[in-house]
Amino acid sequence: MTNQTLVLSDIHGQFDLLETVLEPLYHYSYELVVLGDMFDRAIPGGDSRVLELLQKIQDTPELFGFSKVTLLRGNHEQLLIDAIEKGSQSSAYDLWVYNGGDLTFYKEAGAHLDWLKSLPHYYIKDDFLFVHAGITPGVPLEEQRESDMLWIREPFLNCEDHGLPYCVIHGHSPVDTVDIKEHRINIDTGAYYSGNLSALILQ
């Protein structure tokens, strides 16, 4: 057994990259955390395959050798939720499509609305706070806005100390290589355009 945590973010329907990254890491008893943006901006069929694999891993982590699995909500999951709830004639639907939504995935995703809405906005383990985009500096965790956790860039990215007693592990703002700061680590390396899906292993 290991207490190590394996973290991924911003998969964006890149199923082949996801398989390439995960397969060598099966059966090491890692705890798996995915920081959201699992969908959108994919090649046709990518979102469906990512959904199927991640749900299977979440439902039966022991088959893949994970000790625990946590899938978080990203801004693209929220865009998809809004599009489903408000319907295909809504501005929310148009906004989802504009941000890379796959029209052929829409009906399938609708059948998983309850699952999408069950995805939490953050997760804490030991000294780490896992969240999709980041947090508002200087605001206690219980007062953080969920929308900021999904969308924030500045002032979070430029702050020297966000004020919470955690190292924040996040994605959302693409970087060329994993960006390690004193109080935060950004692991979004732009998989959908760079072909680089980064994995972080925390002790």
N, C-alpha and C. Protein backbone atom coordinates (compact mmCIF):
# COMPACT_ATOMS: atom_id res chain seq x y z
N MET A 1 0.84 -1.21 0.00
CA MET A 1 0.00 0.00 0.00
C MET A 1 0.87 1.25 0.00
N THR A 2 0.35 2.32 -0.60
CA THR A 2 1.04 3.60 -0.60
C THR A 2 0.05 4.69 -0.24
N ASN A 3 0.55 5.77 0.32
CA ASN A 3 -0.30 6.91 0.62
C ASN A 3 -0.13 7.99 -0.44
N GLN A 4 0.49 7.64 -1.55
CA GLN A 4 0.75 8.62 -2.60
C GLN A 4 -0.52 8.95 -3.37
N THR A 5 -0.58 10.19 -3.84
CA THR A 5 -1.75 10.67 -4.58
C THR A 5 -1.34 11.01 -6.01
N LEU A 6 -2.07 10.48 -6.97
CA LEU A 6 -1.85 10.74 -8.38
C LEU A 6 -2.89 11.75 -8.84
N VAL A 7 -2.43 12.85 -9.44
CA VAL A 7 -3.32 13.95 -9.79
C VAL A 7 -3.24 14.24 -11.29
N LEU A 8 -4.41 14.39 -11.91
CA LEU A 8 -4.53 14.78 -13.32
C LEU A 8 -5.49 15.96 -13.41
N SER A 9 -5.39 16.72 -14.48
CA SER A 9 -6.33 17.83 -14.69
C SER A 9 -6.45 18.12 -16.16
N ASP A 10 -7.59 18.72 -16.53
CA ASP A 10 -7.79 19.25 -17.88
C ASP A 10 -7.49 18.21 -18.96
N ILE A 11 -8.18 17.09 -18.86
CA ILE A 11 -8.03 16.01 -19.84
C ILE A 11 -8.65 16.40 -21.18
N HIS A 12 -9.77 17.10 -21.11
CA HIS A 12 -10.47 17.62 -22.30
C HIS A 12 -10.65 16.56 -23.39
N GLY A 13 -11.15 15.41 -22.98
CA GLY A 13 -11.54 14.39 -23.95
C GLY A 13 -10.41 13.72 -24.68
N GLN A 14 -9.18 13.91 -24.22
CA GLN A 14 -8.02 13.31 -24.90
C GLN A 14 -7.82 11.89 -24.40
N PHE A 15 -8.66 10.99 -24.91
CA PHE A 15 -8.71 9.63 -24.38
C PHE A 15 -7.38 8.90 -24.55
N ASP A 16 -6.76 9.00 -25.72
CA ASP A 16 -5.50 8.29 -25.95
C ASP A 16 -4.42 8.76 -24.99
N LEU A 17 -4.35 10.07 -24.74
CA LEU A 17 -3.39 10.58 -23.77
C LEU A 17 -3.70 10.06 -22.37
N LEU A 18 -4.98 10.05 -22.02
CA LEU A 18 -5.37 9.56 -20.70
C LEU A 18 -4.95 8.11 -20.50
N GLU A 19 -5.21 7.29 -21.49
CA GLU A 19 -4.80 5.88 -21.40
C GLU A 19 -3.29 5.75 -21.29
N THR A 20 -2.57 6.52 -22.08
CA THR A 20 -1.11 6.44 -22.07
C THR A 20 -0.54 6.81 -20.70
N VAL A 21 -1.13 7.83 -20.08
CA VAL A 21 -0.65 8.26 -18.77
C VAL A 21 -1.04 7.27 -17.68
N LEU A 22 -2.28 6.79 -17.70
CA LEU A 22 -2.78 6.00 -16.58
C LEU A 22 -2.30 4.55 -16.57
N GLU A 23 -2.23 3.92 -17.73
CA GLU A 23 -1.98 2.47 -17.76
C GLU A 23 -0.71 2.06 -17.01
N PRO A 24 0.41 2.79 -17.13
CA PRO A 24 1.59 2.38 -16.37
C PRO A 24 1.45 2.60 -14.86
N LEU A 25 0.42 3.32 -14.45
CA LEU A 25 0.26 3.69 -13.05
C LEU A 25 -0.84 2.91 -12.34
N TYR A 26 -1.47 1.99 -13.07
CA TYR A 26 -2.45 1.11 -12.44
C TYR A 26 -1.75 0.18 -11.44
N HIS A 27 -2.51 -0.22 -10.41
CA HIS A 27 -2.10 -1.27 -9.47
C HIS A 27 -0.88 -0.89 -8.62
N TYR A 28 -0.77 0.41 -8.31
CA TYR A 28 0.23 0.86 -7.34
C TYR A 28 -0.43 1.43 -6.08
N SER A 29 -1.74 1.24 -5.98
CA SER A 29 -2.51 1.72 -4.81
C SER A 29 -2.47 3.22 -4.64
N TYR A 30 -2.26 3.96 -5.73
CA TYR A 30 -2.36 5.41 -5.65
C TYR A 30 -3.80 5.82 -5.34
N GLU A 31 -3.96 6.95 -4.68
CA GLU A 31 -5.24 7.63 -4.64
C GLU A 31 -5.28 8.54 -5.86
N LEU A 32 -6.33 8.44 -6.66
CA LEU A 32 -6.44 9.23 -7.89
C LEU A 32 -7.35 10.43 -7.66
N VAL A 33 -6.86 11.61 -8.04
CA VAL A 33 -7.67 12.83 -8.00
C VAL A 33 -7.60 13.48 -9.39
N VAL A 34 -8.76 13.77 -9.96
CA VAL A 34 -8.84 14.46 -11.25
C VAL A 34 -9.49 15.82 -10.99
N LEU A 35 -8.84 16.89 -11.45
CA LEU A 35 -9.22 18.25 -11.07
C LEU A 35 -10.22 18.91 -12.01
N GLY A 36 -10.97 18.11 -12.76
CA GLY A 36 -12.01 18.68 -13.60
C GLY A 36 -11.56 18.96 -15.03
N ASP A 37 -12.50 19.51 -15.81
CA ASP A 37 -12.32 19.70 -17.26
C ASP A 37 -11.94 18.39 -17.93
N MET A 38 -12.78 17.40 -17.67
CA MET A 38 -12.59 16.09 -18.28
C MET A 38 -13.04 16.09 -19.74
N PHE A 39 -13.92 17.05 -20.10
CA PHE A 39 -14.58 17.05 -21.40
C PHE A 39 -14.37 18.36 -22.15
N ASP A 40 -14.89 18.38 -23.39
CA ASP A 40 -14.87 19.53 -24.31
C ASP A 40 -13.51 19.67 -24.99
N ARG A 41 -13.55 20.22 -26.21
CA ARG A 41 -12.36 20.44 -27.03
C ARG A 41 -11.73 19.12 -27.48
N ALA A 42 -12.51 18.05 -27.48
CA ALA A 42 -12.00 16.73 -27.85
C ALA A 42 -12.23 16.46 -29.33
N ILE A 43 -11.51 15.48 -29.85
CA ILE A 43 -11.85 14.95 -31.16
C ILE A 43 -13.16 14.17 -31.00
N PRO A 44 -13.95 13.99 -32.08
CA PRO A 44 -15.24 13.29 -31.96
C PRO A 44 -15.08 11.92 -31.28
N GLY A 45 -15.93 11.68 -30.30
CA GLY A 45 -15.91 10.42 -29.56
C GLY A 45 -15.02 10.43 -28.35
N GLY A 46 -14.15 11.42 -28.24
CA GLY A 46 -13.22 11.45 -27.12
C GLY A 46 -13.90 11.62 -25.78
N ASP A 47 -14.88 12.51 -25.72
CA ASP A 47 -15.57 12.75 -24.46
C ASP A 47 -16.27 11.49 -23.96
N SER A 48 -16.92 10.77 -24.86
CA SER A 48 -17.63 9.55 -24.48
C SER A 48 -16.67 8.52 -23.90
N ARG A 49 -15.53 8.36 -24.52
CA ARG A 49 -14.57 7.35 -24.06
C ARG A 49 -13.94 7.75 -22.73
N VAL A 50 -13.67 9.04 -22.55
CA VAL A 50 -13.15 9.51 -21.27
C VAL A 50 -14.19 9.32 -20.18
N LEU A 51 -15.45 9.66 -20.47
CA LEU A 51 -16.52 9.48 -19.50
C LEU A 51 -16.63 8.02 -19.08
N GLU A 52 -16.64 7.13 -20.04
CA GLU A 52 -16.79 5.69 -19.74
C GLU A 52 -15.64 5.20 -18.86
N LEU A 53 -14.40 5.56 -19.21
CA LEU A 53 -13.26 5.08 -18.45
C LEU A 53 -13.23 5.65 -17.04
N LEU A 54 -13.43 6.95 -16.91
CA LEU A 54 -13.34 7.56 -15.58
C LEU A 54 -14.47 7.11 -14.67
N GLN A 55 -15.66 6.93 -15.22
CA GLN A 55 -16.75 6.41 -14.39
C GLN A 55 -16.47 4.98 -13.95
N LYS A 56 -15.89 4.18 -14.84
CA LYS A 56 -15.55 2.80 -14.47
C LYS A 56 -14.48 2.79 -13.37
N ILE A 57 -13.48 3.65 -13.49
CA ILE A 57 -12.44 3.75 -12.47
C ILE A 57 -13.04 4.23 -11.15
N GLN A 58 -13.94 5.19 -11.23
CA GLN A 58 -14.58 5.71 -10.02
C GLN A 58 -15.44 4.64 -9.34
N ASP A 59 -16.17 3.87 -10.13
CA ASP A 59 -17.09 2.87 -9.58
C ASP A 59 -16.37 1.63 -9.06
N THR A 60 -15.27 1.28 -9.72
CA THR A 60 -14.55 0.04 -9.35
C THR A 60 -13.05 0.31 -9.28
N PRO A 61 -12.60 1.17 -8.37
CA PRO A 61 -11.18 1.52 -8.32
C PRO A 61 -10.27 0.32 -8.09
N GLU A 62 -10.80 -0.70 -7.41
CA GLU A 62 -9.97 -1.87 -7.12
C GLU A 62 -9.57 -2.62 -8.39
N LEU A 63 -10.37 -2.55 -9.43
CA LEU A 63 -10.01 -3.22 -10.68
C LEU A 63 -8.80 -2.59 -11.34
N PHE A 64 -8.55 -1.33 -11.04
CA PHE A 64 -7.44 -0.60 -11.62
C PHE A 64 -6.30 -0.40 -10.62
N GLY A 65 -6.52 -0.90 -9.41
CA GLY A 65 -5.47 -0.80 -8.41
C GLY A 65 -5.34 0.56 -7.76
N PHE A 66 -6.43 1.34 -7.75
CA PHE A 66 -6.43 2.61 -7.03
C PHE A 66 -7.05 2.42 -5.65
N SER A 67 -6.51 3.13 -4.66
CA SER A 67 -7.05 3.01 -3.31
C SER A 67 -8.29 3.86 -3.12
N LYS A 68 -8.41 4.94 -3.88
CA LYS A 68 -9.54 5.86 -3.78
C LYS A 68 -9.55 6.73 -5.02
N VAL A 69 -10.72 7.20 -5.42
CA VAL A 69 -10.84 8.05 -6.61
C VAL A 69 -11.74 9.23 -6.30
N THR A 70 -11.27 10.44 -6.62
CA THR A 70 -12.07 11.65 -6.47
C THR A 70 -12.02 12.43 -7.78
N LEU A 71 -13.18 12.67 -8.37
CA LEU A 71 -13.29 13.46 -9.59
C LEU A 71 -13.94 14.78 -9.23
N LEU A 72 -13.27 15.89 -9.54
CA LEU A 72 -13.76 17.22 -9.22
C LEU A 72 -14.45 17.86 -10.41
N ARG A 73 -15.22 18.88 -10.12
CA ARG A 73 -15.91 19.66 -11.15
C ARG A 73 -15.01 20.79 -11.64
N GLY A 74 -14.93 20.94 -12.96
CA GLY A 74 -14.23 22.06 -13.55
C GLY A 74 -15.22 23.02 -14.20
N ASN A 75 -14.74 24.11 -14.74
CA ASN A 75 -15.65 25.06 -15.39
C ASN A 75 -16.33 24.45 -16.61
N HIS A 76 -15.68 23.51 -17.28
CA HIS A 76 -16.32 22.89 -18.44
C HIS A 76 -17.41 21.92 -18.03
N GLU A 77 -17.27 21.25 -16.90
CA GLU A 77 -18.38 20.46 -16.39
C GLU A 77 -19.56 21.37 -16.04
N GLN A 78 -19.25 22.54 -15.46
CA GLN A 78 -20.33 23.47 -15.11
C GLN A 78 -21.01 24.02 -16.36
N LEU A 79 -20.24 24.34 -17.40
CA LEU A 79 -20.83 24.77 -18.66
C LEU A 79 -21.77 23.70 -19.22
N LEU A 80 -21.35 22.44 -19.13
CA LEU A 80 -22.16 21.33 -19.63
C LEU A 80 -23.42 21.16 -18.79
N ILE A 81 -23.30 21.23 -17.48
CA ILE A 81 -24.47 21.15 -16.60
C ILE A 81 -25.49 22.23 -16.97
N ASP A 82 -25.00 23.47 -17.11
CA ASP A 82 -25.89 24.58 -17.43
C ASP A 82 -26.57 24.37 -18.78
N ALA A 83 -25.82 23.86 -19.75
CA ALA A 83 -26.37 23.63 -21.09
C ALA A 83 -27.47 22.57 -21.05
N ILE A 84 -27.25 21.52 -20.28
CA ILE A 84 -28.25 20.45 -20.18
C ILE A 84 -29.50 20.96 -19.46
N GLU A 85 -29.29 21.65 -18.35
CA GLU A 85 -30.44 22.09 -17.55
C GLU A 85 -31.27 23.16 -18.27
N LYS A 86 -30.63 24.01 -19.06
CA LYS A 86 -31.36 25.11 -19.70
C LYS A 86 -31.80 24.78 -21.13
N GLY A 87 -31.28 23.67 -21.69
CA GLY A 87 -31.78 23.21 -22.97
C GLY A 87 -31.01 23.72 -24.17
N SER A 88 -31.22 23.04 -25.28
CA SER A 88 -30.43 23.28 -26.48
C SER A 88 -30.79 24.58 -27.20
N GLN A 89 -31.84 25.25 -26.76
CA GLN A 89 -32.19 26.54 -27.37
C GLN A 89 -31.71 27.73 -26.52
N SER A 90 -30.92 27.45 -25.50
CA SER A 90 -30.53 28.48 -24.54
C SER A 90 -29.17 29.08 -24.86
N SER A 91 -28.92 30.24 -24.28
CA SER A 91 -27.60 30.86 -24.39
C SER A 91 -26.55 30.03 -23.67
N ALA A 92 -26.94 29.30 -22.63
CA ALA A 92 -26.01 28.43 -21.92
C ALA A 92 -25.51 27.32 -22.84
N TYR A 93 -26.41 26.78 -23.65
CA TYR A 93 -26.02 25.76 -24.63
C TYR A 93 -25.05 26.35 -25.66
N ASP A 94 -25.37 27.54 -26.16
CA ASP A 94 -24.50 28.20 -27.14
C ASP A 94 -23.11 28.45 -26.54
N LEU A 95 -23.06 28.84 -25.26
CA LEU A 95 -21.79 29.11 -24.61
C LEU A 95 -20.98 27.83 -24.45
N TRP A 96 -21.65 26.73 -24.12
CA TRP A 96 -20.97 25.44 -24.01
C TRP A 96 -20.38 25.03 -25.36
N VAL A 97 -21.16 25.16 -26.43
CA VAL A 97 -20.67 24.82 -27.77
C VAL A 97 -19.49 25.71 -28.14
N TYR A 98 -19.60 26.99 -27.87
CA TYR A 98 -18.53 27.94 -28.18
C TYR A 98 -17.22 27.56 -27.48
N ASN A 99 -17.34 26.97 -26.30
CA ASN A 99 -16.17 26.57 -25.53
C ASN A 99 -15.74 25.13 -25.78
N GLY A 100 -16.15 24.59 -26.92
CA GLY A 100 -15.64 23.29 -27.33
C GLY A 100 -16.56 22.12 -27.08
N GLY A 101 -17.82 22.38 -26.76
CA GLY A 101 -18.76 21.29 -26.53
C GLY A 101 -19.04 20.50 -27.80
N ASP A 102 -19.10 19.18 -27.66
CA ASP A 102 -19.34 18.27 -28.77
C ASP A 102 -20.83 17.97 -28.85
N LEU A 103 -21.47 18.37 -29.95
CA LEU A 103 -22.92 18.21 -30.08
C LEU A 103 -23.35 16.76 -29.96
N THR A 104 -22.52 15.83 -30.42
CA THR A 104 -22.89 14.42 -30.35
C THR A 104 -22.79 13.88 -28.94
N PHE A 105 -22.11 14.59 -28.05
CA PHE A 105 -21.96 14.16 -26.66
C PHE A 105 -23.10 14.68 -25.78
N TYR A 106 -23.85 15.63 -26.29
CA TYR A 106 -24.84 16.35 -25.48
C TYR A 106 -25.90 15.42 -24.90
N LYS A 107 -26.50 14.57 -25.75
CA LYS A 107 -27.55 13.68 -25.27
C LYS A 107 -27.00 12.67 -24.28
N GLU A 108 -25.84 12.10 -24.59
CA GLU A 108 -25.23 11.14 -23.66
C GLU A 108 -24.94 11.80 -22.31
N ALA A 109 -24.38 13.00 -22.36
CA ALA A 109 -24.08 13.70 -21.12
C ALA A 109 -25.33 13.98 -20.31
N GLY A 110 -26.44 14.27 -21.00
CA GLY A 110 -27.69 14.52 -20.31
C GLY A 110 -28.15 13.36 -19.46
N ALA A 111 -27.83 12.14 -19.89
CA ALA A 111 -28.19 10.96 -19.11
C ALA A 111 -27.35 10.82 -17.85
N HIS A 112 -26.28 11.62 -17.76
CA HIS A 112 -25.39 11.57 -16.61
C HIS A 112 -25.41 12.87 -15.82
N LEU A 113 -26.53 13.60 -15.93
CA LEU A 113 -26.61 14.90 -15.27
C LEU A 113 -26.44 14.79 -13.75
N ASP A 114 -27.09 13.81 -13.14
CA ASP A 114 -26.97 13.66 -11.69
C ASP A 114 -25.52 13.41 -11.30
N TRP A 115 -24.82 12.63 -12.09
CA TRP A 115 -23.40 12.36 -11.81
C TRP A 115 -22.58 13.64 -11.95
N LEU A 116 -22.83 14.40 -13.01
CA LEU A 116 -22.11 15.65 -13.20
C LEU A 116 -22.33 16.60 -12.01
N LYS A 117 -23.58 16.67 -11.55
CA LYS A 117 -23.90 17.57 -10.45
C LYS A 117 -23.36 17.06 -9.11
N SER A 118 -23.02 15.80 -9.05
CA SER A 118 -22.46 15.24 -7.81
C SER A 118 -20.97 15.55 -7.66
N LEU A 119 -20.32 16.02 -8.72
CA LEU A 119 -18.89 16.27 -8.67
C LEU A 119 -18.60 17.44 -7.72
N PRO A 120 -17.76 17.26 -6.72
CA PRO A 120 -17.48 18.34 -5.76
C PRO A 120 -16.58 19.41 -6.36
N HIS A 121 -16.57 20.56 -5.70
CA HIS A 121 -15.75 21.68 -6.16
C HIS A 121 -14.32 21.64 -5.63
N TYR A 122 -14.11 20.95 -4.54
CA TYR A 122 -12.75 20.85 -3.99
C TYR A 122 -12.64 19.60 -3.13
N TYR A 123 -11.40 19.28 -2.82
CA TYR A 123 -11.10 18.11 -2.00
C TYR A 123 -9.84 18.41 -1.19
N ILE A 124 -9.82 18.00 0.06
CA ILE A 124 -8.67 18.21 0.93
C ILE A 124 -8.09 16.87 1.35
N LYS A 125 -6.79 16.77 1.24
CA LYS A 125 -6.07 15.62 1.78
C LYS A 125 -4.76 16.11 2.39
N ASP A 126 -4.59 15.85 3.66
CA ASP A 126 -3.37 16.27 4.36
C ASP A 126 -3.16 17.78 4.18
N ASP A 127 -2.01 18.17 3.67
CA ASP A 127 -1.69 19.60 3.51
C ASP A 127 -2.02 20.13 2.13
N PHE A 128 -2.84 19.38 1.37
CA PHE A 128 -3.14 19.77 0.00
C PHE A 128 -4.63 20.08 -0.16
N LEU A 129 -4.90 21.14 -0.90
CA LEU A 129 -6.25 21.49 -1.31
C LEU A 129 -6.32 21.34 -2.83
N PHE A 130 -7.17 20.44 -3.28
CA PHE A 130 -7.33 20.17 -4.71
C PHE A 130 -8.57 20.92 -5.21
N VAL A 131 -8.39 21.68 -6.28
CA VAL A 131 -9.48 22.49 -6.83
C VAL A 131 -9.18 22.73 -8.30
N HIS A 132 -10.21 23.02 -9.09
CA HIS A 132 -9.96 23.15 -10.53
C HIS A 132 -9.12 24.38 -10.89
N ALA A 133 -9.63 25.56 -10.55
CA ALA A 133 -8.98 26.79 -11.02
C ALA A 133 -8.13 27.47 -9.96
N GLY A 134 -8.56 27.43 -8.71
CA GLY A 134 -7.85 28.12 -7.65
C GLY A 134 -8.80 28.65 -6.61
N ILE A 135 -8.34 29.59 -5.82
CA ILE A 135 -9.14 30.19 -4.76
C ILE A 135 -8.91 31.69 -4.73
N THR A 136 -9.80 32.39 -4.05
CA THR A 136 -9.63 33.83 -3.86
C THR A 136 -8.71 34.07 -2.68
N PRO A 137 -7.58 34.72 -2.89
CA PRO A 137 -6.64 34.95 -1.79
C PRO A 137 -7.28 35.72 -0.63
N GLY A 138 -6.93 35.31 0.58
CA GLY A 138 -7.38 36.01 1.77
C GLY A 138 -8.78 35.70 2.22
N VAL A 139 -9.45 34.75 1.57
CA VAL A 139 -10.83 34.39 1.91
C VAL A 139 -10.83 33.00 2.55
N PRO A 140 -11.43 32.83 3.73
CA PRO A 140 -11.50 31.49 4.35
C PRO A 140 -12.17 30.49 3.42
N LEU A 141 -11.78 29.23 3.54
CA LEU A 141 -12.28 28.20 2.63
C LEU A 141 -13.80 28.14 2.64
N GLU A 142 -14.42 28.23 3.80
CA GLU A 142 -15.87 28.12 3.89
C GLU A 142 -16.59 29.31 3.28
N GLU A 143 -15.85 30.40 2.97
CA GLU A 143 -16.45 31.57 2.34
C GLU A 143 -16.08 31.71 0.86
N GLN A 144 -15.31 30.77 0.35
CA GLN A 144 -14.94 30.82 -1.06
C GLN A 144 -16.17 30.63 -1.95
N ARG A 145 -16.22 31.36 -3.05
CA ARG A 145 -17.31 31.20 -4.01
C ARG A 145 -17.01 30.03 -4.94
N GLU A 146 -18.00 29.20 -5.16
CA GLU A 146 -17.81 28.05 -6.04
C GLU A 146 -17.42 28.49 -7.44
N SER A 147 -17.96 29.60 -7.89
CA SER A 147 -17.63 30.08 -9.24
C SER A 147 -16.15 30.44 -9.35
N ASP A 148 -15.57 30.98 -8.28
CA ASP A 148 -14.14 31.29 -8.31
C ASP A 148 -13.31 30.01 -8.36
N MET A 149 -13.74 28.99 -7.65
CA MET A 149 -13.01 27.72 -7.68
C MET A 149 -12.99 27.12 -9.08
N LEU A 150 -14.00 27.47 -9.89
CA LEU A 150 -14.09 26.95 -11.25
C LEU A 150 -13.41 27.83 -12.29
N TRP A 151 -13.34 29.15 -12.04
CA TRP A 151 -12.97 30.08 -13.10
C TRP A 151 -11.78 30.99 -12.79
N ILE A 152 -11.41 31.16 -11.56
CA ILE A 152 -10.45 32.22 -11.21
C ILE A 152 -9.10 32.02 -11.89
N ARG A 153 -8.51 33.12 -12.28
CA ARG A 153 -7.10 33.16 -12.70
C ARG A 153 -6.41 34.19 -11.80
N GLU A 154 -6.56 35.48 -12.14
CA GLU A 154 -6.07 36.52 -11.23
C GLU A 154 -7.18 36.85 -10.23
N PRO A 155 -6.85 37.21 -9.00
CA PRO A 155 -5.51 37.46 -8.45
C PRO A 155 -4.79 36.22 -7.92
N PHE A 156 -5.41 35.06 -8.06
CA PHE A 156 -4.83 33.85 -7.47
C PHE A 156 -3.45 33.54 -8.04
N LEU A 157 -3.30 33.61 -9.36
CA LEU A 157 -2.06 33.17 -9.99
C LEU A 157 -0.87 34.05 -9.63
N ASN A 158 -1.11 35.29 -9.27
CA ASN A 158 -0.02 36.22 -8.98
C ASN A 158 0.22 36.46 -7.50
N CYS A 159 -0.60 35.85 -6.64
CA CYS A 159 -0.43 36.14 -5.21
C CYS A 159 0.76 35.34 -4.65
N GLU A 160 1.47 35.94 -3.74
CA GLU A 160 2.60 35.26 -3.10
C GLU A 160 2.14 34.31 -2.00
N ASP A 161 1.02 34.64 -1.35
CA ASP A 161 0.49 33.79 -0.28
C ASP A 161 -1.03 33.92 -0.30
N HIS A 162 -1.71 32.83 -0.62
CA HIS A 162 -3.17 32.89 -0.73
C HIS A 162 -3.87 32.89 0.62
N GLY A 163 -3.14 32.59 1.68
CA GLY A 163 -3.70 32.74 3.00
C GLY A 163 -4.34 31.50 3.60
N LEU A 164 -4.41 30.41 2.87
CA LEU A 164 -4.96 29.17 3.42
C LEU A 164 -3.81 28.23 3.79
N PRO A 165 -4.04 27.36 4.78
CA PRO A 165 -2.96 26.50 5.26
C PRO A 165 -2.75 25.25 4.42
N TYR A 166 -2.81 25.41 3.11
CA TYR A 166 -2.66 24.28 2.19
C TYR A 166 -1.79 24.70 1.00
N CYS A 167 -1.18 23.71 0.39
CA CYS A 167 -0.66 23.89 -0.95
C CYS A 167 -1.80 23.57 -1.91
N VAL A 168 -2.16 24.52 -2.75
CA VAL A 168 -3.29 24.36 -3.66
C VAL A 168 -2.81 23.69 -4.95
N ILE A 169 -3.42 22.57 -5.28
CA ILE A 169 -3.12 21.84 -6.52
C ILE A 169 -4.25 22.14 -7.49
N HIS A 170 -3.91 22.71 -8.66
CA HIS A 170 -4.96 23.19 -9.56
C HIS A 170 -4.54 23.02 -11.01
N GLY A 171 -5.51 23.29 -11.88
CA GLY A 171 -5.28 23.32 -13.32
C GLY A 171 -5.85 24.61 -13.87
N HIS A 172 -6.59 24.51 -15.00
CA HIS A 172 -7.40 25.59 -15.57
C HIS A 172 -6.62 26.61 -16.38
N SER A 173 -5.45 27.00 -15.94
CA SER A 173 -4.65 28.02 -16.65
C SER A 173 -3.44 27.34 -17.26
N PRO A 174 -3.47 27.06 -18.57
CA PRO A 174 -2.42 26.24 -19.18
C PRO A 174 -1.02 26.85 -19.05
N VAL A 175 -0.07 25.97 -18.79
CA VAL A 175 1.35 26.33 -18.71
C VAL A 175 2.14 25.32 -19.54
N ASP A 176 3.35 25.69 -19.93
CA ASP A 176 4.16 24.80 -20.76
C ASP A 176 4.60 23.55 -20.02
N THR A 177 4.98 23.73 -18.76
CA THR A 177 5.38 22.61 -17.90
C THR A 177 4.75 22.82 -16.53
N VAL A 178 4.65 21.76 -15.76
CA VAL A 178 4.06 21.86 -14.43
C VAL A 178 4.73 23.00 -13.66
N ASP A 179 3.92 23.89 -13.13
CA ASP A 179 4.40 25.12 -12.49
C ASP A 179 4.32 24.96 -10.97
N ILE A 180 5.48 24.86 -10.33
CA ILE A 180 5.54 24.61 -8.90
C ILE A 180 5.93 25.89 -8.17
N LYS A 181 5.01 26.40 -7.38
CA LYS A 181 5.24 27.56 -6.54
C LYS A 181 5.22 27.11 -5.08
N GLU A 182 5.55 28.05 -4.18
CA GLU A 182 5.61 27.70 -2.75
C GLU A 182 4.24 27.28 -2.22
N HIS A 183 3.19 27.95 -2.66
CA HIS A 183 1.86 27.70 -2.10
C HIS A 183 0.87 27.09 -3.08
N ARG A 184 1.31 26.82 -4.32
CA ARG A 184 0.40 26.23 -5.30
C ARG A 184 1.20 25.49 -6.36
N ILE A 185 0.54 24.52 -7.01
CA ILE A 185 1.12 23.79 -8.13
C ILE A 185 0.08 23.70 -9.24
N ASN A 186 0.43 24.17 -10.43
CA ASN A 186 -0.45 24.13 -11.59
C ASN A 186 -0.03 22.98 -12.50
N ILE A 187 -0.96 22.05 -12.76
CA ILE A 187 -0.60 20.88 -13.56
C ILE A 187 -1.29 20.84 -14.93
N ASP A 188 -1.94 21.94 -15.32
CA ASP A 188 -2.58 21.98 -16.65
C ASP A 188 -1.55 22.34 -17.70
N THR A 189 -1.13 21.36 -18.47
CA THR A 189 -0.16 21.61 -19.54
C THR A 189 -0.81 21.55 -20.93
N GLY A 190 -2.10 21.91 -20.99
CA GLY A 190 -2.77 22.12 -22.27
C GLY A 190 -2.88 20.89 -23.15
N ALA A 191 -3.35 19.79 -22.57
CA ALA A 191 -3.35 18.51 -23.29
C ALA A 191 -4.02 18.58 -24.65
N TYR A 192 -5.12 19.32 -24.77
CA TYR A 192 -5.89 19.28 -26.02
C TYR A 192 -5.17 19.94 -27.18
N TYR A 193 -4.20 20.83 -26.89
CA TYR A 193 -3.46 21.44 -28.00
C TYR A 193 -1.98 21.09 -27.98
N SER A 194 -1.44 20.75 -26.80
CA SER A 194 -0.01 20.46 -26.70
C SER A 194 0.31 18.98 -26.85
N GLY A 195 -0.71 18.13 -26.61
CA GLY A 195 -0.45 16.69 -26.59
C GLY A 195 0.25 16.23 -25.34
N ASN A 196 0.29 17.09 -24.33
CA ASN A 196 0.99 16.77 -23.08
C ASN A 196 0.01 16.79 -21.93
N LEU A 197 -0.38 15.61 -21.45
CA LEU A 197 -1.22 15.48 -20.27
C LEU A 197 -0.32 15.12 -19.10
N SER A 198 -0.18 16.05 -18.17
CA SER A 198 0.77 15.86 -17.07
C SER A 198 0.10 15.15 -15.89
N ALA A 199 0.89 14.32 -15.22
CA ALA A 199 0.45 13.64 -14.01
C ALA A 199 1.40 14.04 -12.88
N LEU A 200 0.83 14.33 -11.74
CA LEU A 200 1.60 14.71 -10.56
C LEU A 200 1.42 13.65 -9.50
N ILE A 201 2.52 13.18 -8.91
CA ILE A 201 2.45 12.21 -7.82
C ILE A 201 2.93 12.89 -6.55
N LEU A 202 2.04 12.96 -5.57
CA LEU A 202 2.33 13.61 -4.29
C LEU A 202 2.59 12.55 -3.23
N GLN A 203 3.61 12.79 -2.43
CA GLN A 203 3.94 11.85 -1.36
C GLN A 203 2.92 11.96 -0.23
